[in-house]
Each structure stands twice: as structure tokens, then as C-alpha cells.
N, C-alpha and C. Protein backbone atom coordinates (compact mmCIF):
# COMPACT_ATOMS: atom_id res chain seq x y z
N MET A 1 127.17 100.63 90.00
CA MET A 1 125.54 101.10 89.84
C MET A 1 125.48 102.36 90.27
N ASP A 2 124.90 103.61 89.56
CA ASP A 2 124.79 104.87 90.07
C ASP A 2 123.46 104.98 90.50
N ILE A 3 122.92 105.10 91.66
CA ILE A 3 121.57 105.52 91.94
C ILE A 3 121.41 106.98 92.25
N GLN A 4 122.10 107.73 91.96
CA GLN A 4 121.87 109.40 92.14
C GLN A 4 120.81 109.50 91.09
N ALA A 5 120.28 110.84 91.36
CA ALA A 5 119.39 111.03 90.38
C ALA A 5 119.82 111.86 89.53
N GLU A 6 119.40 112.40 88.27
CA GLU A 6 119.93 112.67 87.32
C GLU A 6 119.37 114.32 87.52
N PRO A 7 120.49 115.59 87.30
CA PRO A 7 120.14 116.73 87.65
C PRO A 7 118.82 117.33 87.23
N SER A 8 118.30 116.72 86.01
CA SER A 8 116.86 117.16 85.73
C SER A 8 115.94 116.71 86.44
N GLN A 9 116.21 115.82 87.53
CA GLN A 9 114.88 115.02 87.88
C GLN A 9 114.99 115.54 89.48
N ASN A 10 116.04 116.44 89.87
CA ASN A 10 116.14 117.27 90.92
C ASN A 10 115.31 118.37 91.08
N ALA A 11 114.80 118.76 90.09
CA ALA A 11 114.09 120.25 89.60
C ALA A 11 112.94 120.08 90.44
N GLU A 12 112.20 121.41 90.82
CA GLU A 12 111.30 121.38 91.81
C GLU A 12 110.27 121.24 90.95
N ILE A 13 109.11 120.96 91.64
CA ILE A 13 107.78 120.56 91.14
C ILE A 13 106.93 121.83 91.14
N SER A 14 106.40 122.58 89.97
CA SER A 14 105.62 123.92 90.51
C SER A 14 104.34 123.67 91.22
N PRO A 15 103.63 124.40 91.87
CA PRO A 15 102.45 124.10 92.74
C PRO A 15 101.41 123.75 91.83
N THR A 16 101.60 124.44 90.61
CA THR A 16 100.00 124.14 89.67
C THR A 16 100.14 122.62 89.44
N GLU A 17 101.41 121.97 88.99
CA GLU A 17 101.80 120.53 88.79
C GLU A 17 101.16 119.59 89.98
N MET A 18 101.96 120.18 91.07
CA MET A 18 101.49 119.48 92.40
C MET A 18 100.11 119.34 92.50
N ALA A 19 99.19 120.30 92.30
CA ALA A 19 97.95 120.34 92.77
C ALA A 19 96.92 119.57 91.62
N THR A 20 97.79 119.31 90.16
CA THR A 20 97.31 118.45 89.49
C THR A 20 97.24 117.24 89.84
N ARG A 21 98.70 116.92 90.31
CA ARG A 21 98.79 115.26 90.77
C ARG A 21 98.14 115.08 91.96
N ARG A 22 97.67 115.86 92.55
CA ARG A 22 96.85 115.55 93.81
C ARG A 22 95.45 115.30 93.42
N THR A 23 94.87 116.35 92.28
CA THR A 23 93.96 116.06 92.09
C THR A 23 93.33 114.72 91.31
N VAL A 24 94.36 114.15 90.20
CA VAL A 24 94.50 112.94 89.64
C VAL A 24 94.54 112.16 90.48
N THR A 25 95.25 111.96 91.42
CA THR A 25 95.66 111.00 92.50
C THR A 25 94.29 110.69 93.25
N LYS A 26 93.63 111.64 93.55
CA LYS A 26 92.12 111.43 94.49
C LYS A 26 91.40 110.91 93.46
N TRP A 27 91.11 111.41 92.11
CA TRP A 27 90.22 110.82 91.01
C TRP A 27 90.64 109.05 91.22
N LEU A 28 91.87 109.01 90.79
CA LEU A 28 92.21 107.78 90.82
C LEU A 28 91.43 106.84 92.18
N ILE A 29 91.97 107.29 93.23
CA ILE A 29 91.45 106.56 94.20
C ILE A 29 89.93 106.24 94.33
N VAL A 30 89.09 107.34 94.04
CA VAL A 30 87.86 107.55 93.95
C VAL A 30 87.38 106.25 92.92
N SER A 31 87.74 106.40 91.59
CA SER A 31 87.70 105.16 90.81
C SER A 31 87.79 103.66 91.09
N VAL A 32 88.91 103.72 91.68
CA VAL A 32 89.26 102.24 92.49
C VAL A 32 88.30 101.93 93.63
N ALA A 33 87.71 102.60 94.33
CA ALA A 33 86.80 102.41 95.11
C ALA A 33 85.35 102.22 94.46
N VAL A 34 84.80 103.06 93.63
CA VAL A 34 83.74 102.81 92.82
C VAL A 34 83.87 101.72 92.24
N TRP A 35 84.99 101.24 91.80
CA TRP A 35 84.92 99.81 90.98
C TRP A 35 84.90 98.67 91.95
N GLY A 36 85.32 98.92 92.98
CA GLY A 36 85.34 97.65 94.01
C GLY A 36 84.11 97.64 94.66
N LEU A 37 83.18 98.95 94.68
CA LEU A 37 81.79 98.71 94.99
C LEU A 37 80.97 97.76 93.90
N ILE A 38 81.33 98.35 92.72
CA ILE A 38 80.60 97.72 91.46
C ILE A 38 80.79 96.16 91.70
N LEU A 39 82.03 95.79 91.86
CA LEU A 39 82.40 94.28 91.99
C LEU A 39 81.73 93.31 92.99
N ALA A 40 81.16 94.43 94.35
CA ALA A 40 80.88 93.62 95.45
C ALA A 40 79.19 93.45 95.05
N VAL A 41 78.86 94.83 94.42
CA VAL A 41 77.14 94.63 94.08
C VAL A 41 77.08 93.46 93.02
N GLY A 42 78.00 93.28 92.27
CA GLY A 42 77.84 91.97 91.18
C GLY A 42 77.84 90.91 91.73
N SER A 43 78.71 90.74 92.89
CA SER A 43 78.95 89.56 93.55
C SER A 43 77.30 89.53 94.27
N PHE A 44 77.07 90.27 94.86
CA PHE A 44 75.86 89.95 95.87
C PHE A 44 74.61 89.60 95.03
N LEU A 45 74.46 90.29 93.56
CA LEU A 45 73.32 89.86 92.66
C LEU A 45 73.85 88.73 91.89
N ALA A 46 74.91 88.34 92.08
CA ALA A 46 74.86 87.12 91.12
C ALA A 46 74.46 85.50 91.77
N TRP A 47 74.12 84.89 90.85
CA TRP A 47 73.59 83.57 91.02
C TRP A 47 74.63 82.86 91.13
N ASP A 48 74.11 81.97 92.36
CA ASP A 48 75.24 80.79 92.98
C ASP A 48 75.65 79.82 91.81
N ARG A 49 74.65 79.20 90.82
CA ARG A 49 74.76 78.04 90.40
C ARG A 49 73.77 78.30 88.87
N ALA A 50 74.54 77.57 87.82
CA ALA A 50 74.35 77.77 86.44
C ALA A 50 72.68 77.32 86.43
N GLU A 51 72.44 76.40 87.01
CA GLU A 51 70.97 75.63 86.99
C GLU A 51 69.88 76.73 87.72
N LEU A 52 70.19 77.30 88.70
CA LEU A 52 69.45 78.62 89.04
C LEU A 52 69.21 79.92 88.04
N ALA A 53 70.24 80.01 87.57
CA ALA A 53 70.40 81.27 86.37
C ALA A 53 69.24 80.72 85.32
N ALA A 54 69.15 79.39 85.16
CA ALA A 54 68.08 79.07 83.80
C ALA A 54 66.95 79.16 84.68
N GLU A 55 66.61 79.01 85.63
CA GLU A 55 65.10 79.32 86.25
C GLU A 55 65.14 80.53 86.75
N HIS A 56 64.13 81.73 85.89
CA HIS A 56 64.12 82.70 86.41
C HIS A 56 63.19 83.07 87.65
N GLU A 57 62.25 82.04 87.66
CA GLU A 57 61.17 82.35 88.67
C GLU A 57 61.81 82.02 89.98
N GLY A 58 61.37 82.67 90.96
CA GLY A 58 62.03 82.18 92.29
C GLY A 58 63.46 82.00 92.50
N VAL A 59 64.12 82.30 91.92
CA VAL A 59 65.55 81.97 91.93
C VAL A 59 66.01 82.99 92.90
N SER A 60 65.58 84.21 93.49
CA SER A 60 66.14 84.98 94.69
C SER A 60 65.80 84.20 95.95
N ASP A 61 64.76 83.37 95.78
CA ASP A 61 64.31 82.77 97.28
C ASP A 61 65.14 81.54 97.65
N GLN A 62 65.83 81.04 96.82
CA GLN A 62 66.60 79.76 96.62
C GLN A 62 67.93 80.16 97.06
N ILE A 63 68.51 81.35 97.11
CA ILE A 63 70.09 81.74 97.29
C ILE A 63 69.83 82.39 98.92
N ASP A 64 70.82 81.38 99.59
CA ASP A 64 70.85 81.88 101.22
C ASP A 64 71.62 83.42 101.37
N MET A 65 70.61 84.24 102.27
CA MET A 65 70.84 85.65 102.30
C MET A 65 72.30 85.76 102.87
N SER A 66 72.83 85.07 103.61
CA SER A 66 74.20 85.23 104.48
C SER A 66 75.04 84.85 103.53
N THR A 67 75.18 83.99 102.47
CA THR A 67 76.11 83.84 101.56
C THR A 67 76.04 84.92 100.76
N ARG A 68 74.78 85.26 100.30
CA ARG A 68 74.74 86.57 99.55
C ARG A 68 75.62 88.13 99.91
N ILE A 69 75.29 87.92 101.54
CA ILE A 69 76.06 89.18 102.09
C ILE A 69 77.57 88.69 102.43
N LEU A 70 78.08 87.61 102.43
CA LEU A 70 79.32 87.52 102.35
C LEU A 70 79.93 87.82 100.96
N LYS A 71 79.47 87.29 99.80
CA LYS A 71 80.02 87.68 98.60
C LYS A 71 80.27 88.77 98.29
N PHE A 72 79.27 89.71 98.97
CA PHE A 72 79.51 91.19 99.23
C PHE A 72 80.68 91.79 99.97
N VAL A 73 80.42 91.31 101.02
CA VAL A 73 81.58 91.79 101.94
C VAL A 73 82.97 91.61 101.80
N ILE A 74 83.15 90.71 101.18
CA ILE A 74 84.33 90.14 100.84
C ILE A 74 85.48 91.10 99.73
N PRO A 75 84.82 91.33 98.45
CA PRO A 75 85.31 92.16 97.75
C PRO A 75 85.34 93.75 98.13
N LEU A 76 84.33 93.67 98.83
CA LEU A 76 84.30 95.13 99.22
C LEU A 76 85.43 95.74 100.41
N SER A 77 85.78 94.55 101.22
CA SER A 77 86.36 94.89 102.31
C SER A 77 87.85 94.77 101.72
N ALA A 78 88.17 94.06 100.59
CA ALA A 78 89.52 93.55 99.85
C ALA A 78 89.69 95.10 99.32
N VAL A 79 89.01 95.56 98.50
CA VAL A 79 89.45 96.89 97.90
C VAL A 79 89.27 98.09 99.14
N ALA A 80 88.89 97.98 100.15
CA ALA A 80 88.74 98.89 101.23
C ALA A 80 89.85 99.12 101.81
N LEU A 81 90.58 97.79 101.95
CA LEU A 81 91.58 97.75 102.80
C LEU A 81 92.96 98.16 101.63
N PHE A 82 92.62 97.96 100.45
CA PHE A 82 93.76 98.47 99.30
C PHE A 82 93.76 99.90 99.37
N VAL A 83 92.57 100.58 99.15
CA VAL A 83 92.21 102.11 99.16
C VAL A 83 92.78 102.86 100.67
N GLY A 84 92.37 101.89 101.64
CA GLY A 84 92.83 102.61 102.84
C GLY A 84 94.45 102.48 102.83
N GLY A 85 94.96 101.56 102.63
CA GLY A 85 96.53 101.43 102.58
C GLY A 85 97.18 102.36 101.55
N TRP A 86 96.58 102.68 100.31
CA TRP A 86 97.05 103.39 99.86
C TRP A 86 96.85 104.93 100.08
N ILE A 87 95.92 105.26 100.79
CA ILE A 87 95.97 106.37 101.40
C ILE A 87 96.62 106.74 102.46
N LEU A 88 97.20 105.93 103.26
CA LEU A 88 97.92 105.72 104.31
C LEU A 88 99.04 106.12 103.90
N ALA A 89 99.64 105.47 102.84
CA ALA A 89 100.84 105.84 102.34
C ALA A 89 101.08 106.85 101.65
N LEU A 90 100.22 107.38 101.00
CA LEU A 90 100.23 108.96 100.47
C LEU A 90 100.36 109.83 101.55
N LYS A 91 99.60 109.84 102.71
CA LYS A 91 99.73 110.50 103.99
C LYS A 91 101.10 110.73 104.58
N LYS A 92 101.43 109.48 104.99
CA LYS A 92 102.79 109.27 105.59
C LYS A 92 103.68 109.77 104.40
N ARG A 93 104.03 109.59 103.31
CA ARG A 93 105.27 110.08 102.42
C ARG A 93 104.95 111.97 102.40
N ASN A 94 103.52 112.28 102.33
CA ASN A 94 103.49 113.76 102.38
C ASN A 94 104.01 114.61 103.66
N SER A 95 104.12 113.76 104.86
CA SER A 95 104.23 114.26 106.02
C SER A 95 105.93 113.98 106.41
């Protein structure tokens, strides 16, 4: 099994292509972070039980705030760990 790169794969990448790749990667990272924030906000605003969802009056008073904060922090921290690891991997590769 040959693991050497093909001669066409060894070609240098032009500076404009490298700049384009970096820009696309940055926007992709920002998109994933925004997606995680939207998930976290949605989890925070979501009702806990279906019977609470049926009652529109006073629903927010019946949901414990610590539970809502945990529902916000857990997905946000998971996405933050992923994005942070991604950024660290890119920095390590570039250095």
C-alpha cells in the first residue's frame, strides 16, 4: 500500500487560495459557534413538560431557573469545547 502523495498533491498552494481557505474556515467556526448559541438559547426557553406547554398563562413561573440555566450552559459549553479544540488544532497545525 503506497501512502506517498501523488505528484499533483505536492504542488504549492497560492497565497490567494490560502487566504480564501482561512476566511472560509473562520466563517465556518463562527457559524458553528452561532449554531451552538442558538441551541443553548432554545434549550433555555424550552418548556420542561408537555402539560406546561399547553398552559400559556404562568408557565415561566413554574420552571425552576437553575434548571433553565443548566439547560443553557450544557449545550453552550459542549459547543465551546468543540470550537476551542478546533481552533487549538488549527493553531498547532500552522505553527
